[in-house]
């Protein structure tokens, strides 16, 4: 019995010894028969001097032998803009890398590309990961497009100003403080020559005006945005883009991550904040997307001058609100307020508003949404916070909830609103429907020629494409007098003499 135990123990030791020596003695050199998860790794688009996301390449050993790759390196050598990580080890060249039979190896790839030539707007940078040497060498191409940009950020610590605002609050209800820096005089005209990348909150100082030219692209880093101070002014001068002529007149505000997976990711940056006391701002042909709050507009009570004129613009995919206004005087036409984590449009504490041919449609699908697409409410009972008017003409108020209009008056301040020739998504037999005369859609003081529920026939709500097809119930239902104020739709299509509701005239679906 004892001899049998000794024999079994000896066999076990031999097996363990054989396994421990396997690495050193049983690998065969690679002979060019590796396979890869990709022939080319596209690292998408990055800004010059800003690091990319991490991309993965999988290397397969499909043979029945354990092999060793004598060398893995970058074709451009140590000066390459790419960085590799092979089996947890970072570097640009690796030697004697083993792969077991029928097994695989992960390689992580990153890049930071610097464009040193000031005359270049962008650079297509290429390299390759090479495996082994000739005659068994194999390679996988690496491709990245780098864009040069104008970077705006505080140059000195002394330039940073800190503001406490009530846009965001912590768990204790305290306002979150944001840090910002004032734009210099020579920075007050954003052109379309290069994209702009902003770190922190860029502040338009009092008595100064920021002008943004047609075709400009503005990118905001995390916790960044734009603040218009009391007395400052913002002029966004976009124009209609023409795909056929490759004219990019539209202006876009978005985050600074250019990879495709970030194109529809909300909450990447802060907000555009027009402070109380800023007057005569104008925005035309602008898209704001993927922020916390798209546009926050404050006004002063009984202000004669307009706070903001907002036209031909899209605001969508923001985690809180697309457009949030407080006691402002705002005129909007051809406005699309799409999907948002809360309300698409929140009007709060009074003001004076006119919305003509606007589409307010919230089909948020990135989590649960509690708020209606349109909220109008007076929380404050302070004197001066009067809702002078909130007029909606030829508009669509819609979404994937049963009730997409929420009206809340404090019964102390003025609360004047009116819907003329509008589509409204509202189910009166919903048990959560408020029971008061503010929702009496037969009351001509508040509502005239309303379409209550029905089919709008959007193109694709999940992608914020709120164009309408030919099966829509809102075709030719607009008020002609209101349409004459805005005779062209957001795409430049004539809507006279048969105006459809919302920002778009109906077209046949593609």
Foldseek 3Di string as FASTA:
>chain_A
DVVVVVVVVVVVVVVVVCVVCCLVPFAAEDQQPKDKPAQAAEQEEAAAQDKGDKDKMKIWAAAQGKYWFAKKAKQVGPPDQKWKAWPNRTDGMDGGHIAGHGGMTMMIMMGHHHDPDPVDQKDWDKIWIWIHDPPNIDIHIYIYIYGYEAEDDDPDPVQKDKDFDQPDADPVSGGDIFIEGEDDPVRQEAEQPHEYEYETEYEDDALEEREYFFNYEYAYAAAYYYEYDQNYEYEYDFDFADVVVRRRRAYEYYHNHRDPVLPLAAARYAEYEYDENAFDYEHERYEFERHQEYYEYEYFFPDPTARYEYELYEFENHAEERYEYAQGHYEYELYEQAAYNEAPYEYEQAHHYEYFQAEQEHADDPDDYDHANYEYEYPDLDPRSANPEHEYFLAERYYDDQFRYHYYYPVRHHDYYAYELYEGRHDCPPPPDDPDPVPVCVPRSHHDQYHYDDAQAFQDRVVSRRAHAPVGPQWLRGDQVSCVVVQAASNRHGQPPRHGGHRYHHDHHD
